Amino acid sequence: MATDKSVKLILIGPPGAGKGTVAPKLKDDYGVTHLSTGDMLRSVILSGLPLGKKIKAVMDEGKLVDDELMGEMILAAIQDCERGFLLDGFPRNEKQAEMLQNILEKEGLKLNAVIQLAVEDDLLVERICGRLVHSQSGRTYHEKFAPPKVPMKDDVTGEDLCRRSDDNELTLRKRLDTYHTQTAPLVDFYSKLGLHSKVDASLTPAEVYAQVKTILDK
């Protein structure tokens, strides 16, 4: 049941930290709109609006969407969020963080919190490299934490499970190196604003979410 409190927050975390588990619960409890940059990019392109056409042209050329276009997209998205928002995947660097602060100030909005889901790299490797997927349904399992009843077989259909090609240690550690390089300046930026909080995301999902709620309900 959503509360009456309007919450505006940023969720920072590496692959496998549990952002995808926390976000739906925040949506249920606070009524926030989950703004994932990947979903937003797909949505704005499909909209056919002028901004979507500009972004599509950039992506069709194989280029990264620049900060200015990202800013336009974020502004359009947060203007539609009456009950608050949860930003996931933006900002990724200090320049984007400064731009976001300017956007929010112009809109008369303030962030409640910037929450970092922190997990040791070795545990993330164990979490992600043990993932098993039923490609037809998208059902996921884990060799250690949520194994299928029959090894490498889907519980429902009995069909084979597989691993995603990028769920390997070499690829993951490269992604984690990039994440750490980008995140350190962000943590410093939001710490100076008194907005940054760190959550121990190595705990159970229920314990992690309890920490997040404690921060937001202060």
N, C-alpha and C. Protein backbone atom coordinates (compact mmCIF):
# COMPACT_ATOMS: atom_id res chain seq x y z
N MET A 1 0.85 -1.20 0.00
CA MET A 1 0.00 0.00 0.00
C MET A 1 0.88 1.25 0.00
N ALA A 2 0.73 2.11 -0.97
CA ALA A 2 1.57 3.29 -1.08
C ALA A 2 1.24 4.31 0.01
N THR A 3 2.28 4.94 0.55
CA THR A 3 2.09 6.00 1.54
C THR A 3 1.81 7.31 0.82
N ASP A 4 1.48 8.35 1.60
CA ASP A 4 1.22 9.67 1.02
C ASP A 4 2.51 10.45 0.77
N LYS A 5 3.63 9.92 1.24
CA LYS A 5 4.90 10.62 1.12
C LYS A 5 5.43 10.56 -0.31
N SER A 6 5.77 11.72 -0.87
CA SER A 6 6.37 11.77 -2.20
C SER A 6 7.87 11.62 -2.06
N VAL A 7 8.42 10.59 -2.67
CA VAL A 7 9.84 10.28 -2.52
C VAL A 7 10.56 10.46 -3.85
N LYS A 8 11.70 11.13 -3.79
CA LYS A 8 12.53 11.32 -4.98
C LYS A 8 13.93 10.84 -4.64
N LEU A 9 14.34 9.76 -5.27
CA LEU A 9 15.64 9.21 -4.91
C LEU A 9 16.38 8.64 -6.10
N ILE A 10 17.68 8.47 -5.90
CA ILE A 10 18.55 7.82 -6.87
C ILE A 10 19.06 6.54 -6.23
N LEU A 11 19.02 5.45 -7.00
CA LEU A 11 19.53 4.17 -6.53
C LEU A 11 20.81 3.85 -7.31
N ILE A 12 21.90 3.70 -6.58
CA ILE A 12 23.20 3.38 -7.19
C ILE A 12 23.59 1.97 -6.77
N GLY A 13 24.05 1.17 -7.72
CA GLY A 13 24.50 -0.16 -7.35
C GLY A 13 25.07 -0.89 -8.54
N PRO A 14 26.03 -1.78 -8.32
CA PRO A 14 26.64 -2.54 -9.41
C PRO A 14 25.70 -3.63 -9.91
N PRO A 15 26.02 -4.27 -11.03
CA PRO A 15 25.23 -5.41 -11.49
C PRO A 15 25.15 -6.47 -10.40
N GLY A 16 23.95 -6.99 -10.14
CA GLY A 16 23.80 -8.05 -9.15
C GLY A 16 23.60 -7.58 -7.73
N ALA A 17 23.54 -6.24 -7.52
CA ALA A 17 23.40 -5.72 -6.15
C ALA A 17 21.97 -5.81 -5.64
N GLY A 18 21.00 -5.96 -6.55
CA GLY A 18 19.61 -6.10 -6.11
C GLY A 18 18.72 -4.91 -6.39
N LYS A 19 19.15 -4.02 -7.29
CA LYS A 19 18.30 -2.86 -7.62
C LYS A 19 16.95 -3.31 -8.17
N GLY A 20 16.98 -4.37 -8.99
CA GLY A 20 15.74 -4.86 -9.58
C GLY A 20 14.80 -5.48 -8.57
N THR A 21 15.30 -5.82 -7.39
CA THR A 21 14.46 -6.36 -6.31
C THR A 21 13.90 -5.23 -5.46
N VAL A 22 14.73 -4.21 -5.20
CA VAL A 22 14.31 -3.09 -4.35
C VAL A 22 13.30 -2.19 -5.06
N ALA A 23 13.51 -1.93 -6.35
CA ALA A 23 12.69 -0.95 -7.07
C ALA A 23 11.19 -1.27 -7.06
N PRO A 24 10.76 -2.52 -7.36
CA PRO A 24 9.32 -2.79 -7.34
C PRO A 24 8.69 -2.60 -5.95
N LYS A 25 9.45 -2.90 -4.90
CA LYS A 25 8.93 -2.72 -3.54
C LYS A 25 8.75 -1.24 -3.22
N LEU A 26 9.69 -0.42 -3.68
CA LEU A 26 9.56 1.03 -3.48
C LEU A 26 8.35 1.56 -4.25
N LYS A 27 8.12 1.01 -5.42
CA LYS A 27 6.95 1.43 -6.21
C LYS A 27 5.66 1.09 -5.47
N ASP A 28 5.61 -0.11 -4.87
CA ASP A 28 4.42 -0.53 -4.13
C ASP A 28 4.21 0.30 -2.87
N ASP A 29 5.29 0.56 -2.13
CA ASP A 29 5.17 1.22 -0.82
C ASP A 29 5.05 2.73 -0.90
N TYR A 30 5.65 3.33 -1.92
CA TYR A 30 5.68 4.80 -1.99
C TYR A 30 5.01 5.36 -3.24
N GLY A 31 4.63 4.50 -4.17
CA GLY A 31 3.97 4.98 -5.38
C GLY A 31 4.90 5.67 -6.36
N VAL A 32 6.21 5.49 -6.17
CA VAL A 32 7.17 6.17 -7.05
C VAL A 32 7.16 5.54 -8.44
N THR A 33 7.55 6.33 -9.42
CA THR A 33 7.75 5.82 -10.77
C THR A 33 9.21 5.41 -10.92
N HIS A 34 9.43 4.17 -11.35
CA HIS A 34 10.80 3.66 -11.53
C HIS A 34 11.31 4.13 -12.89
N LEU A 35 12.27 5.03 -12.88
CA LEU A 35 12.84 5.57 -14.11
C LEU A 35 14.19 4.91 -14.39
N SER A 36 14.15 3.85 -15.16
CA SER A 36 15.37 3.16 -15.59
C SER A 36 15.78 3.74 -16.93
N THR A 37 17.04 4.17 -17.06
CA THR A 37 17.45 4.85 -18.29
C THR A 37 17.24 3.98 -19.53
N GLY A 38 17.52 2.69 -19.42
CA GLY A 38 17.33 1.80 -20.56
C GLY A 38 15.88 1.77 -21.01
N ASP A 39 14.96 1.63 -20.04
CA ASP A 39 13.52 1.61 -20.36
C ASP A 39 13.08 2.95 -20.93
N MET A 40 13.59 4.05 -20.35
CA MET A 40 13.21 5.39 -20.81
C MET A 40 13.64 5.62 -22.25
N LEU A 41 14.87 5.19 -22.58
CA LEU A 41 15.36 5.36 -23.95
C LEU A 41 14.47 4.61 -24.94
N ARG A 42 14.14 3.37 -24.60
CA ARG A 42 13.27 2.58 -25.49
C ARG A 42 11.90 3.24 -25.64
N SER A 43 11.35 3.73 -24.51
CA SER A 43 10.02 4.32 -24.51
C SER A 43 9.97 5.61 -25.32
N VAL A 44 10.96 6.47 -25.13
CA VAL A 44 10.94 7.77 -25.84
C VAL A 44 11.16 7.57 -27.34
N ILE A 45 11.93 6.57 -27.72
CA ILE A 45 12.12 6.28 -29.15
C ILE A 45 10.81 5.79 -29.77
N LEU A 46 10.12 4.91 -29.05
CA LEU A 46 8.84 4.38 -29.56
C LEU A 46 7.75 5.44 -29.61
N SER A 47 7.89 6.50 -28.79
CA SER A 47 6.85 7.54 -28.73
C SER A 47 6.72 8.31 -30.04
N GLY A 48 7.80 8.37 -30.81
CA GLY A 48 7.76 9.12 -32.06
C GLY A 48 7.84 10.62 -31.87
N LEU A 49 8.02 11.08 -30.62
CA LEU A 49 8.15 12.51 -30.34
C LEU A 49 9.48 13.03 -30.88
N PRO A 50 9.60 14.37 -31.07
CA PRO A 50 10.86 14.92 -31.61
C PRO A 50 12.10 14.48 -30.83
N LEU A 51 12.00 14.46 -29.49
CA LEU A 51 13.15 14.02 -28.69
C LEU A 51 13.51 12.58 -29.00
N GLY A 52 12.48 11.73 -29.14
CA GLY A 52 12.71 10.32 -29.47
C GLY A 52 13.40 10.15 -30.81
N LYS A 53 13.01 10.99 -31.77
CA LYS A 53 13.63 10.91 -33.10
C LYS A 53 15.10 11.33 -33.05
N LYS A 54 15.38 12.36 -32.24
CA LYS A 54 16.78 12.80 -32.09
C LYS A 54 17.64 11.70 -31.47
N ILE A 55 17.09 11.08 -30.41
CA ILE A 55 17.84 10.02 -29.72
C ILE A 55 18.03 8.80 -30.63
N LYS A 56 16.97 8.46 -31.38
CA LYS A 56 17.06 7.31 -32.29
C LYS A 56 18.14 7.54 -33.34
N ALA A 57 18.22 8.76 -33.86
CA ALA A 57 19.22 9.07 -34.89
C ALA A 57 20.63 8.88 -34.34
N VAL A 58 20.85 9.29 -33.09
CA VAL A 58 22.16 9.14 -32.46
C VAL A 58 22.49 7.66 -32.28
N MET A 59 21.52 6.89 -31.75
CA MET A 59 21.75 5.47 -31.48
C MET A 59 21.91 4.67 -32.76
N ASP A 60 21.19 5.06 -33.81
CA ASP A 60 21.31 4.36 -35.10
C ASP A 60 22.71 4.50 -35.68
N GLU A 61 23.40 5.58 -35.31
CA GLU A 61 24.78 5.78 -35.77
C GLU A 61 25.79 5.05 -34.88
N GLY A 62 25.27 4.35 -33.86
CA GLY A 62 26.14 3.61 -32.95
C GLY A 62 26.83 4.48 -31.93
N LYS A 63 26.33 5.71 -31.75
CA LYS A 63 26.94 6.63 -30.80
C LYS A 63 26.23 6.57 -29.45
N LEU A 64 26.91 7.04 -28.41
CA LEU A 64 26.29 7.15 -27.09
C LEU A 64 25.44 8.41 -27.05
N VAL A 65 24.30 8.31 -26.35
CA VAL A 65 23.43 9.48 -26.19
C VAL A 65 24.14 10.47 -25.26
N ASP A 66 24.31 11.72 -25.72
CA ASP A 66 25.08 12.68 -24.93
C ASP A 66 24.29 13.19 -23.72
N ASP A 67 25.01 13.87 -22.83
CA ASP A 67 24.41 14.30 -21.57
C ASP A 67 23.23 15.25 -21.78
N GLU A 68 23.32 16.12 -22.80
CA GLU A 68 22.25 17.08 -23.02
C GLU A 68 20.94 16.39 -23.40
N LEU A 69 21.03 15.41 -24.30
CA LEU A 69 19.83 14.66 -24.68
C LEU A 69 19.30 13.85 -23.51
N MET A 70 20.21 13.25 -22.74
CA MET A 70 19.78 12.50 -21.55
C MET A 70 19.05 13.44 -20.59
N GLY A 71 19.58 14.65 -20.43
CA GLY A 71 18.95 15.63 -19.55
C GLY A 71 17.54 15.98 -20.00
N GLU A 72 17.37 16.18 -21.31
CA GLU A 72 16.02 16.45 -21.85
C GLU A 72 15.07 15.30 -21.53
N MET A 73 15.56 14.08 -21.71
CA MET A 73 14.73 12.91 -21.47
C MET A 73 14.35 12.79 -19.99
N ILE A 74 15.33 13.01 -19.10
CA ILE A 74 15.07 12.93 -17.67
C ILE A 74 14.06 14.00 -17.25
N LEU A 75 14.22 15.22 -17.77
CA LEU A 75 13.29 16.30 -17.43
C LEU A 75 11.87 15.94 -17.83
N ALA A 76 11.71 15.44 -19.06
CA ALA A 76 10.37 15.05 -19.53
C ALA A 76 9.79 13.95 -18.65
N ALA A 77 10.64 13.02 -18.23
CA ALA A 77 10.16 11.89 -17.42
C ALA A 77 9.72 12.32 -16.02
N ILE A 78 10.53 13.15 -15.35
CA ILE A 78 10.20 13.51 -13.96
C ILE A 78 8.99 14.44 -13.90
N GLN A 79 8.72 15.16 -14.98
CA GLN A 79 7.54 16.04 -14.99
C GLN A 79 6.25 15.24 -14.94
N ASP A 80 6.32 13.97 -15.32
CA ASP A 80 5.13 13.10 -15.29
C ASP A 80 5.00 12.31 -14.00
N CYS A 81 5.92 12.50 -13.05
CA CYS A 81 5.95 11.67 -11.83
C CYS A 81 5.31 12.42 -10.66
N GLU A 82 4.00 12.29 -10.53
CA GLU A 82 3.29 13.01 -9.47
C GLU A 82 3.64 12.49 -8.08
N ARG A 83 3.90 11.19 -7.96
CA ARG A 83 4.15 10.59 -6.64
C ARG A 83 5.63 10.40 -6.35
N GLY A 84 6.47 11.07 -7.10
CA GLY A 84 7.90 10.91 -6.89
C GLY A 84 8.51 9.93 -7.88
N PHE A 85 9.83 9.76 -7.79
CA PHE A 85 10.52 8.92 -8.76
C PHE A 85 11.73 8.24 -8.14
N LEU A 86 12.11 7.16 -8.79
CA LEU A 86 13.33 6.41 -8.45
C LEU A 86 14.18 6.36 -9.71
N LEU A 87 15.30 7.07 -9.70
CA LEU A 87 16.19 7.09 -10.85
C LEU A 87 17.20 5.95 -10.74
N ASP A 88 17.31 5.18 -11.81
CA ASP A 88 18.17 4.00 -11.84
C ASP A 88 18.98 4.04 -13.15
N GLY A 89 20.30 4.20 -13.03
CA GLY A 89 21.13 4.28 -14.23
C GLY A 89 21.49 5.69 -14.63
N PHE A 90 21.04 6.66 -13.87
CA PHE A 90 21.37 8.07 -14.11
C PHE A 90 21.30 8.80 -12.78
N PRO A 91 22.27 9.64 -12.46
CA PRO A 91 23.46 9.99 -13.23
C PRO A 91 24.54 8.91 -13.12
N ARG A 92 25.42 8.87 -14.13
CA ARG A 92 26.54 7.92 -14.13
C ARG A 92 27.88 8.60 -13.87
N ASN A 93 27.89 9.92 -13.89
CA ASN A 93 29.15 10.64 -13.63
C ASN A 93 28.83 11.98 -12.99
N GLU A 94 29.87 12.67 -12.55
CA GLU A 94 29.66 13.92 -11.81
C GLU A 94 29.02 15.00 -12.67
N LYS A 95 29.39 15.06 -13.94
CA LYS A 95 28.79 16.06 -14.85
C LYS A 95 27.28 15.86 -14.93
N GLN A 96 26.86 14.60 -15.08
CA GLN A 96 25.42 14.31 -15.14
C GLN A 96 24.74 14.64 -13.81
N ALA A 97 25.44 14.39 -12.70
CA ALA A 97 24.88 14.70 -11.38
C ALA A 97 24.64 16.20 -11.23
N GLU A 98 25.61 17.00 -11.68
CA GLU A 98 25.46 18.46 -11.62
C GLU A 98 24.29 18.92 -12.50
N MET A 99 24.18 18.31 -13.68
CA MET A 99 23.09 18.67 -14.59
C MET A 99 21.74 18.31 -13.97
N LEU A 100 21.67 17.14 -13.34
CA LEU A 100 20.42 16.73 -12.70
C LEU A 100 20.04 17.69 -11.58
N GLN A 101 21.01 18.12 -10.79
CA GLN A 101 20.73 19.08 -9.72
C GLN A 101 20.14 20.37 -10.30
N ASN A 102 20.68 20.82 -11.42
CA ASN A 102 20.16 22.03 -12.06
C ASN A 102 18.73 21.83 -12.55
N ILE A 103 18.47 20.66 -13.14
CA ILE A 103 17.11 20.35 -13.62
C ILE A 103 16.12 20.36 -12.45
N LEU A 104 16.49 19.69 -11.36
CA LEU A 104 15.60 19.60 -10.20
C LEU A 104 15.35 20.98 -9.59
N GLU A 105 16.40 21.79 -9.49
CA GLU A 105 16.24 23.13 -8.92
C GLU A 105 15.29 23.98 -9.75
N LYS A 106 15.41 23.89 -11.07
CA LYS A 106 14.52 24.65 -11.96
C LYS A 106 13.07 24.19 -11.82
N GLU A 107 12.88 22.91 -11.50
CA GLU A 107 11.53 22.36 -11.33
C GLU A 107 11.03 22.52 -9.89
N GLY A 108 11.88 23.08 -9.02
CA GLY A 108 11.49 23.25 -7.61
C GLY A 108 11.43 21.94 -6.86
N LEU A 109 12.27 20.98 -7.25
CA LEU A 109 12.26 19.65 -6.64
C LEU A 109 13.57 19.40 -5.89
N LYS A 110 13.49 18.55 -4.87
CA LYS A 110 14.69 18.17 -4.11
C LYS A 110 14.72 16.66 -3.94
N LEU A 111 15.91 16.09 -4.05
CA LEU A 111 16.08 14.66 -3.78
C LEU A 111 15.94 14.39 -2.29
N ASN A 112 15.30 13.25 -1.96
CA ASN A 112 15.26 12.81 -0.56
C ASN A 112 16.53 12.06 -0.18
N ALA A 113 17.04 11.27 -1.13
CA ALA A 113 18.19 10.43 -0.80
C ALA A 113 18.85 9.90 -2.06
N VAL A 114 20.13 9.58 -1.92
CA VAL A 114 20.88 8.83 -2.93
C VAL A 114 21.39 7.59 -2.21
N ILE A 115 20.83 6.44 -2.55
CA ILE A 115 21.12 5.21 -1.81
C ILE A 115 22.03 4.31 -2.64
N GLN A 116 23.15 3.96 -2.05
CA GLN A 116 24.13 3.08 -2.71
C GLN A 116 24.00 1.67 -2.15
N LEU A 117 23.69 0.71 -3.03
CA LEU A 117 23.67 -0.70 -2.64
C LEU A 117 25.09 -1.24 -2.79
N ALA A 118 25.74 -1.50 -1.67
CA ALA A 118 27.16 -1.87 -1.69
C ALA A 118 27.34 -3.36 -1.44
N VAL A 119 28.09 -4.00 -2.32
CA VAL A 119 28.38 -5.44 -2.21
C VAL A 119 29.82 -5.67 -2.66
N GLU A 120 30.52 -6.57 -1.97
CA GLU A 120 31.89 -6.92 -2.38
C GLU A 120 31.86 -7.58 -3.77
N ASP A 121 32.88 -7.27 -4.58
CA ASP A 121 32.93 -7.79 -5.94
C ASP A 121 32.86 -9.32 -5.99
N ASP A 122 33.56 -10.00 -5.08
CA ASP A 122 33.58 -11.46 -5.12
C ASP A 122 32.19 -12.06 -4.94
N LEU A 123 31.37 -11.43 -4.09
CA LEU A 123 30.00 -11.93 -3.90
C LEU A 123 29.16 -11.67 -5.14
N LEU A 124 29.37 -10.53 -5.79
CA LEU A 124 28.65 -10.23 -7.03
C LEU A 124 29.00 -11.25 -8.11
N VAL A 125 30.27 -11.62 -8.19
CA VAL A 125 30.70 -12.63 -9.16
C VAL A 125 29.97 -13.95 -8.88
N GLU A 126 29.91 -14.32 -7.60
CA GLU A 126 29.22 -15.56 -7.22
C GLU A 126 27.74 -15.49 -7.57
N ARG A 127 27.12 -14.33 -7.30
CA ARG A 127 25.69 -14.18 -7.59
C ARG A 127 25.40 -14.27 -9.08
N ILE A 128 26.17 -13.54 -9.86
CA ILE A 128 25.85 -13.42 -11.28
C ILE A 128 26.33 -14.61 -12.09
N CYS A 129 27.52 -15.11 -11.79
CA CYS A 129 28.06 -16.22 -12.59
C CYS A 129 27.35 -17.54 -12.29
N GLY A 130 26.56 -17.57 -11.22
CA GLY A 130 25.78 -18.77 -10.91
C GLY A 130 24.36 -18.74 -11.45
N ARG A 131 24.02 -17.64 -12.18
CA ARG A 131 22.65 -17.52 -12.69
C ARG A 131 22.38 -18.50 -13.82
N LEU A 132 21.19 -19.08 -13.79
CA LEU A 132 20.71 -19.97 -14.85
C LEU A 132 19.38 -19.43 -15.36
N VAL A 133 19.16 -19.51 -16.66
CA VAL A 133 17.98 -18.90 -17.25
C VAL A 133 17.24 -19.90 -18.13
N HIS A 134 15.88 -19.87 -18.04
CA HIS A 134 15.05 -20.58 -19.01
C HIS A 134 14.71 -19.56 -20.09
N SER A 135 15.35 -19.69 -21.24
CA SER A 135 15.30 -18.61 -22.24
C SER A 135 13.89 -18.35 -22.76
N GLN A 136 13.05 -19.40 -22.85
CA GLN A 136 11.72 -19.20 -23.41
C GLN A 136 10.81 -18.37 -22.50
N SER A 137 10.92 -18.56 -21.18
CA SER A 137 10.02 -17.87 -20.24
C SER A 137 10.70 -16.72 -19.51
N GLY A 138 12.03 -16.73 -19.47
CA GLY A 138 12.74 -15.71 -18.70
C GLY A 138 12.91 -16.08 -17.24
N ARG A 139 12.40 -17.26 -16.83
CA ARG A 139 12.56 -17.68 -15.42
C ARG A 139 14.04 -17.82 -15.10
N THR A 140 14.41 -17.35 -13.90
CA THR A 140 15.82 -17.43 -13.51
C THR A 140 15.99 -18.29 -12.26
N TYR A 141 17.12 -18.93 -12.19
CA TYR A 141 17.51 -19.77 -11.05
C TYR A 141 18.94 -19.40 -10.68
N HIS A 142 19.43 -20.03 -9.62
CA HIS A 142 20.83 -19.84 -9.25
C HIS A 142 21.37 -21.16 -8.73
N GLU A 143 22.57 -21.51 -9.19
CA GLU A 143 23.17 -22.79 -8.80
C GLU A 143 23.21 -22.98 -7.29
N LYS A 144 23.51 -21.91 -6.56
CA LYS A 144 23.67 -22.00 -5.11
C LYS A 144 22.47 -21.48 -4.34
N PHE A 145 21.96 -20.30 -4.73
CA PHE A 145 20.96 -19.61 -3.92
C PHE A 145 19.52 -20.00 -4.24
N ALA A 146 19.25 -20.42 -5.49
CA ALA A 146 17.88 -20.81 -5.87
C ALA A 146 17.95 -21.86 -6.97
N PRO A 147 18.47 -23.07 -6.62
CA PRO A 147 18.69 -24.08 -7.65
C PRO A 147 17.38 -24.68 -8.18
N PRO A 148 17.38 -25.12 -9.45
CA PRO A 148 16.21 -25.84 -9.97
C PRO A 148 16.10 -27.20 -9.29
N LYS A 149 14.90 -27.79 -9.34
CA LYS A 149 14.69 -29.10 -8.70
C LYS A 149 15.57 -30.17 -9.34
N VAL A 150 15.68 -30.10 -10.67
CA VAL A 150 16.56 -31.01 -11.41
C VAL A 150 17.68 -30.16 -12.02
N PRO A 151 18.94 -30.53 -11.80
CA PRO A 151 20.05 -29.70 -12.30
C PRO A 151 19.90 -29.35 -13.78
N MET A 152 20.03 -28.04 -14.08
CA MET A 152 20.03 -27.50 -15.44
C MET A 152 18.71 -27.71 -16.19
N LYS A 153 17.60 -27.96 -15.42
CA LYS A 153 16.28 -28.13 -16.05
C LYS A 153 15.28 -27.15 -15.43
N ASP A 154 14.42 -26.58 -16.27
CA ASP A 154 13.37 -25.67 -15.79
C ASP A 154 12.35 -26.44 -14.96
N ASP A 155 11.97 -25.88 -13.80
CA ASP A 155 11.02 -26.56 -12.91
C ASP A 155 9.66 -26.78 -13.56
N VAL A 156 9.23 -25.84 -14.40
CA VAL A 156 7.88 -25.89 -14.96
C VAL A 156 7.81 -26.79 -16.19
N THR A 157 8.73 -26.59 -17.14
CA THR A 157 8.64 -27.31 -18.42
C THR A 157 9.59 -28.49 -18.53
N GLY A 158 10.62 -28.52 -17.68
CA GLY A 158 11.64 -29.57 -17.80
C GLY A 158 12.63 -29.31 -18.91
N GLU A 159 12.50 -28.14 -19.56
CA GLU A 159 13.43 -27.81 -20.66
C GLU A 159 14.78 -27.37 -20.10
N ASP A 160 15.78 -27.35 -20.99
CA ASP A 160 17.14 -27.01 -20.57
C ASP A 160 17.25 -25.56 -20.10
N LEU A 161 18.10 -25.35 -19.11
CA LEU A 161 18.47 -24.00 -18.68
C LEU A 161 19.80 -23.63 -19.31
N CYS A 162 20.08 -22.34 -19.41
CA CYS A 162 21.35 -21.91 -19.98
C CYS A 162 21.90 -20.74 -19.16
N ARG A 163 23.11 -20.35 -19.48
CA ARG A 163 23.72 -19.17 -18.87
C ARG A 163 23.76 -18.06 -19.92
N ARG A 164 23.56 -16.82 -19.47
CA ARG A 164 23.72 -15.69 -20.39
C ARG A 164 25.20 -15.57 -20.76
N SER A 165 25.45 -15.20 -22.00
CA SER A 165 26.84 -15.15 -22.49
C SER A 165 27.69 -14.14 -21.71
N ASP A 166 27.06 -13.06 -21.21
CA ASP A 166 27.85 -12.06 -20.47
C ASP A 166 27.89 -12.33 -18.97
N ASP A 167 27.29 -13.43 -18.52
CA ASP A 167 27.37 -13.81 -17.10
C ASP A 167 28.64 -14.63 -16.86
N ASN A 168 29.78 -14.04 -17.18
CA ASN A 168 31.05 -14.71 -16.91
C ASN A 168 31.95 -13.76 -16.14
N GLU A 169 32.92 -14.32 -15.44
CA GLU A 169 33.70 -13.51 -14.50
C GLU A 169 34.51 -12.41 -15.19
N LEU A 170 35.10 -12.71 -16.33
CA LEU A 170 35.93 -11.72 -17.01
C LEU A 170 35.11 -10.49 -17.41
N THR A 171 33.96 -10.74 -18.05
CA THR A 171 33.09 -9.64 -18.47
C THR A 171 32.58 -8.86 -17.27
N LEU A 172 32.17 -9.59 -16.24
CA LEU A 172 31.61 -8.94 -15.06
C LEU A 172 32.63 -8.06 -14.36
N ARG A 173 33.85 -8.56 -14.21
CA ARG A 173 34.87 -7.75 -13.50
C ARG A 173 35.21 -6.48 -14.28
N LYS A 174 35.14 -6.53 -15.60
CA LYS A 174 35.34 -5.31 -16.40
C LYS A 174 34.20 -4.32 -16.13
N ARG A 175 32.97 -4.84 -16.07
CA ARG A 175 31.82 -3.97 -15.78
C ARG A 175 31.94 -3.38 -14.38
N LEU A 176 32.43 -4.17 -13.44
CA LEU A 176 32.57 -3.69 -12.06
C LEU A 176 33.67 -2.62 -11.96
N ASP A 177 34.75 -2.81 -12.71
CA ASP A 177 35.82 -1.79 -12.72
C ASP A 177 35.27 -0.45 -13.21
N THR A 178 34.48 -0.52 -14.29
CA THR A 178 33.86 0.70 -14.83
C THR A 178 32.92 1.33 -13.80
N TYR A 179 32.12 0.48 -13.16
CA TYR A 179 31.18 0.97 -12.14
C TYR A 179 31.92 1.69 -11.01
N HIS A 180 32.97 1.09 -10.50
CA HIS A 180 33.70 1.69 -9.38
C HIS A 180 34.33 3.03 -9.78
N THR A 181 34.87 3.07 -11.00
CA THR A 181 35.50 4.30 -11.48
C THR A 181 34.48 5.43 -11.57
N GLN A 182 33.28 5.10 -12.06
CA GLN A 182 32.23 6.10 -12.21
C GLN A 182 31.60 6.50 -10.88
N THR A 183 31.47 5.53 -9.98
CA THR A 183 30.69 5.75 -8.76
C THR A 183 31.42 6.57 -7.71
N ALA A 184 32.73 6.42 -7.60
CA ALA A 184 33.47 7.13 -6.55
C ALA A 184 33.22 8.65 -6.57
N PRO A 185 33.30 9.32 -7.74
CA PRO A 185 33.01 10.76 -7.76
C PRO A 185 31.55 11.07 -7.42
N LEU A 186 30.62 10.19 -7.81
CA LEU A 186 29.20 10.40 -7.50
C LEU A 186 28.96 10.36 -6.00
N VAL A 187 29.57 9.37 -5.34
CA VAL A 187 29.42 9.24 -3.89
C VAL A 187 29.95 10.50 -3.21
N ASP A 188 31.09 10.99 -3.67
CA ASP A 188 31.68 12.21 -3.10
C ASP A 188 30.75 13.41 -3.33
N PHE A 189 30.21 13.52 -4.53
CA PHE A 189 29.33 14.64 -4.90
C PHE A 189 28.09 14.68 -4.00
N TYR A 190 27.43 13.52 -3.85
CA TYR A 190 26.19 13.50 -3.07
C TYR A 190 26.44 13.48 -1.56
N SER A 191 27.62 13.02 -1.15
CA SER A 191 27.97 13.09 0.28
C SER A 191 28.09 14.55 0.72
N LYS A 192 28.69 15.38 -0.14
CA LYS A 192 28.84 16.80 0.17
C LYS A 192 27.48 17.49 0.29
N LEU A 193 26.47 16.95 -0.42
CA LEU A 193 25.12 17.52 -0.35
C LEU A 193 24.31 16.91 0.80
N GLY A 194 24.93 15.96 1.52
CA GLY A 194 24.24 15.32 2.64
C GLY A 194 23.15 14.36 2.22
N LEU A 195 23.25 13.83 0.99
CA LEU A 195 22.19 12.96 0.46
C LEU A 195 22.57 11.49 0.39
N HIS A 196 23.87 11.18 0.45
CA HIS A 196 24.33 9.81 0.21
C HIS A 196 24.18 8.93 1.44
N SER A 197 23.63 7.73 1.22
CA SER A 197 23.58 6.69 2.26
C SER A 197 24.01 5.38 1.63
N LYS A 198 24.74 4.57 2.41
CA LYS A 198 25.20 3.27 1.92
C LYS A 198 24.44 2.16 2.63
N VAL A 199 23.99 1.17 1.86
CA VAL A 199 23.25 0.03 2.39
C VAL A 199 24.07 -1.23 2.12
N ASP A 200 24.13 -2.12 3.10
CA ASP A 200 24.83 -3.39 2.94
C ASP A 200 23.94 -4.35 2.15
N ALA A 201 24.21 -4.46 0.85
CA ALA A 201 23.37 -5.27 -0.02
C ALA A 201 23.81 -6.72 -0.10
N SER A 202 24.73 -7.13 0.81
CA SER A 202 25.11 -8.54 0.86
C SER A 202 24.11 -9.34 1.70
N LEU A 203 23.22 -8.64 2.39
CA LEU A 203 22.23 -9.29 3.26
C LEU A 203 21.07 -9.84 2.45
N THR A 204 20.07 -10.40 3.14
CA THR A 204 18.90 -10.94 2.43
C THR A 204 18.10 -9.80 1.83
N PRO A 205 17.29 -10.07 0.79
CA PRO A 205 16.47 -9.00 0.19
C PRO A 205 15.62 -8.26 1.22
N ALA A 206 15.04 -9.00 2.17
CA ALA A 206 14.20 -8.36 3.19
C ALA A 206 15.02 -7.41 4.07
N GLU A 207 16.22 -7.84 4.43
CA GLU A 207 17.08 -6.99 5.27
C GLU A 207 17.57 -5.76 4.51
N VAL A 208 17.88 -5.94 3.24
CA VAL A 208 18.32 -4.81 2.41
C VAL A 208 17.20 -3.79 2.30
N TYR A 209 15.99 -4.27 2.02
CA TYR A 209 14.87 -3.34 1.85
C TYR A 209 14.53 -2.63 3.16
N ALA A 210 14.68 -3.32 4.27
CA ALA A 210 14.43 -2.69 5.58
C ALA A 210 15.38 -1.51 5.79
N GLN A 211 16.64 -1.67 5.38
CA GLN A 211 17.61 -0.57 5.49
C GLN A 211 17.20 0.62 4.62
N VAL A 212 16.75 0.31 3.40
CA VAL A 212 16.33 1.37 2.46
C VAL A 212 15.14 2.14 3.03
N LYS A 213 14.17 1.41 3.56
CA LYS A 213 12.98 2.06 4.13
C LYS A 213 13.34 2.94 5.32
N THR A 214 14.26 2.48 6.15
CA THR A 214 14.69 3.27 7.31
C THR A 214 15.26 4.62 6.86
N ILE A 215 16.04 4.60 5.79
CA ILE A 215 16.62 5.85 5.25
C ILE A 215 15.52 6.78 4.75
N LEU A 216 14.56 6.23 4.02
CA LEU A 216 13.52 7.06 3.41
C LEU A 216 12.50 7.56 4.41
N ASP A 217 12.32 6.83 5.50
CA ASP A 217 11.29 7.19 6.48
C ASP A 217 11.80 8.09 7.60
N LYS A 218 13.05 8.54 7.48
CA LYS A 218 13.61 9.44 8.51
C LYS A 218 12.78 10.71 8.60
